[in-house]
Protein backbone atom coordinates (compact mmCIF):
# COMPACT_ATOMS: atom_id res chain seq x y z
CA UNK A 1 33.93 34.75 45.51
CA UNK A 2 32.92 31.14 44.12
CA UNK A 3 32.84 28.87 47.02
CA UNK A 4 34.90 25.78 46.07
CA UNK A 5 34.52 22.27 47.27
CA UNK A 6 36.97 19.33 47.93
CA UNK A 7 36.28 15.89 47.59
CA UNK A 8 38.49 12.91 48.24
CA UNK A 9 39.50 10.40 45.36
CA UNK A 10 39.98 7.14 46.44
CA UNK A 11 41.70 4.72 44.27
CA UNK A 12 40.28 0.80 45.43
CA UNK A 13 42.37 -2.20 45.04
CA UNK A 14 41.48 -4.64 42.27
CA UNK A 15 40.20 -7.85 43.31
CA UNK A 16 42.38 -10.72 42.24
CA UNK A 17 40.15 -12.05 39.93
CA UNK A 18 39.71 -9.23 38.14
CA UNK A 19 43.49 -8.21 37.50
CA UNK A 20 44.08 -9.77 34.24
CA UNK A 21 42.74 -6.64 32.32
CA UNK A 22 43.65 -2.92 31.45
CA UNK A 23 39.92 -2.10 30.84
CA UNK A 24 36.99 -4.58 32.41
CA UNK A 25 33.82 -4.80 30.49
CA UNK A 26 31.27 -3.88 33.01
CA UNK A 27 27.24 -4.48 32.08
CA UNK A 28 24.17 -4.73 33.35
CA UNK A 29 25.10 -8.55 33.93
CA UNK A 30 28.28 -7.69 35.86
CA UNK A 31 28.21 -8.23 39.68
CA UNK A 32 27.07 -5.01 41.99
CA UNK A 33 30.46 -4.64 42.89
CA UNK A 34 32.13 -3.55 39.72
CA UNK A 35 28.81 -1.49 38.58
CA UNK A 36 29.13 0.29 41.85
CA UNK A 37 32.94 1.02 40.89
CA UNK A 38 31.58 2.40 37.86
CA UNK A 39 29.29 4.82 39.24
CA UNK A 40 31.63 5.58 41.87
CA UNK A 41 33.68 7.39 38.88
CA UNK A 42 30.78 8.76 37.54
CA UNK A 43 30.11 10.79 40.29
CA UNK A 44 33.53 11.83 40.11
CA UNK A 45 33.16 12.92 36.41
CA UNK A 46 29.60 14.79 37.77
CA UNK A 47 31.66 16.54 40.24
CA UNK A 48 34.87 17.65 38.23
CA UNK A 49 32.35 18.78 35.21
CA UNK A 50 30.05 20.56 37.37
CA UNK A 51 27.41 18.54 35.35
CA UNK A 52 23.56 18.46 36.38
CA UNK A 53 23.26 14.92 35.37
CA UNK A 54 25.01 11.72 37.26
CA UNK A 55 25.54 9.65 33.83
CA UNK A 56 25.74 6.05 35.37
CA UNK A 57 24.36 4.37 38.43
CA UNK A 58 24.91 0.83 39.31
CA UNK A 59 21.29 -0.36 39.78
CA UNK A 60 20.27 1.54 36.08
CA UNK A 61 18.33 -0.52 33.44
CA UNK A 62 19.30 1.47 30.38
CA UNK A 63 21.60 -0.93 28.49
CA UNK A 64 25.18 0.39 28.47
CA UNK A 65 28.86 -1.18 28.06
CA UNK A 66 31.11 0.61 30.74
CA UNK A 67 34.80 -0.25 31.19
CA UNK A 68 36.89 -0.19 34.60
CA UNK A 69 40.44 1.40 33.80
CA UNK A 70 43.11 -0.11 35.92
CA UNK A 71 46.79 0.39 36.46
CA UNK A 72 48.69 -2.93 36.98
CA UNK A 73 51.46 -2.00 38.88
CA UNK A 74 49.95 -0.65 41.89
CA UNK A 75 46.56 -2.71 41.02
CA UNK A 76 43.92 -0.48 41.26
CA UNK A 77 41.19 1.03 39.27
CA UNK A 78 41.89 4.49 37.96
CA UNK A 79 38.99 5.64 35.90
CA UNK A 80 35.90 4.46 34.18
CA UNK A 81 33.87 4.95 30.88
CA UNK A 82 30.27 4.32 29.38
CA UNK A 83 29.41 3.85 26.08
CA UNK A 84 25.64 3.81 25.72
CA UNK A 85 23.58 2.93 22.49
CA UNK A 86 22.33 6.49 21.93
CA UNK A 87 23.92 9.70 21.39
CA UNK A 88 22.57 12.25 24.03
CA UNK A 89 23.56 15.01 21.67
CA UNK A 90 22.36 13.84 17.96
CA UNK A 91 20.32 11.72 16.20
CA UNK A 92 22.99 9.07 15.32
CA UNK A 93 22.04 5.36 15.57
CA UNK A 94 25.10 3.88 17.02
CA UNK A 95 26.82 3.91 19.99
CA UNK A 96 28.47 6.79 21.86
CA UNK A 97 31.21 7.16 24.62
CA UNK A 98 28.81 9.14 26.94
CA UNK A 99 31.51 9.90 29.46
CA UNK A 100 35.00 8.80 30.53
CA UNK A 101 36.74 9.98 33.84
CA UNK A 102 40.65 9.16 35.05
CA UNK A 103 41.97 10.14 38.05
CA UNK A 104 43.90 13.43 37.15
CA UNK A 105 47.56 11.55 38.60
CA UNK A 106 46.81 9.21 35.66
CA UNK A 107 45.84 11.73 32.99
CA UNK A 108 48.42 12.30 30.06
CA UNK A 109 50.57 9.33 31.09
CA UNK A 110 49.26 6.81 27.88
CA UNK A 111 46.50 5.24 29.99
CA UNK A 112 43.81 6.43 27.08
CA UNK A 113 46.15 6.25 24.38
CA UNK A 114 46.88 2.39 25.87
CA UNK A 115 43.03 1.69 25.71
CA UNK A 116 41.87 4.04 22.36
CA UNK A 117 42.64 1.39 19.93
CA UNK A 118 40.54 -1.44 21.86
CA UNK A 119 37.86 0.61 22.50
CA UNK A 120 37.82 1.38 18.58
CA UNK A 121 37.68 -1.91 17.44
CA UNK A 122 35.08 -2.70 20.03
CA UNK A 123 32.96 0.40 18.93
CA UNK A 124 34.13 1.25 15.78
CA UNK A 125 34.12 5.26 14.73
CA UNK A 126 32.19 6.77 17.91
CA UNK A 127 31.31 9.87 18.61
CA UNK A 128 32.57 11.26 22.01
CA UNK A 129 30.09 13.51 23.92
CA UNK A 130 30.95 16.47 25.59
CA UNK A 131 31.67 17.84 28.28
CA UNK A 132 35.32 17.40 27.59
CA UNK A 133 38.73 19.20 29.11
CA UNK A 134 40.81 20.85 26.81
CA UNK A 135 43.15 18.05 27.46
CA UNK A 136 40.52 15.44 26.23
CA UNK A 137 39.53 17.71 23.34
CA UNK A 138 43.26 17.86 22.14
CA UNK A 139 43.62 14.10 22.53
CA UNK A 140 40.37 13.63 20.28
CA UNK A 141 42.08 15.44 17.55
CA UNK A 142 45.18 13.94 18.02
CA UNK A 143 43.51 10.54 17.55
CA UNK A 144 40.90 11.00 15.62
CA UNK A 145 41.95 12.69 12.33
CA UNK A 146 40.05 9.93 10.30
CA UNK A 147 36.98 10.02 12.03
CA UNK A 148 33.47 11.29 10.60
CA UNK A 149 33.40 13.28 14.28
CA UNK A 150 36.53 15.25 13.70
CA UNK A 151 34.94 18.30 12.42
CA UNK A 152 32.80 18.08 15.74
CA UNK A 153 35.69 17.93 17.90
CA UNK A 154 37.67 20.91 16.53
CA UNK A 155 34.23 23.01 16.69
CA UNK A 156 33.38 21.70 20.32
CA UNK A 157 35.41 23.79 23.26
């Protein structure tokens, strides 16, 4: 019988000076407390997907652009994502969305749909790297029909 580990998912309050955006960019130059928030969501991603590698650490030196996602009514961080300049799964010479994690309560509620247009505007037609859940695969097929990676999303699953 497989052992099931349970763990807490904390939603932390957003400091007042960061409450202006639904997606807050985080880079290596950002305050450590913001980078630690992104790291916390990377750990949740790793646990949920039983992924062998933690995809982000607050003190790492590799280039990235991460985003903290928020819920404005409750003023809490609800997830994060991270773009890297190179793909981990193919020889692309552009940024890829390496991982994204949203609190389970906020999934299927339009949070990612609301941020997607802005992410595409900032990062172009990017590849979303697996692993992704069946719901994320469905989202990618629905929102990326014009993407050059559409056939990749259709075949991964």
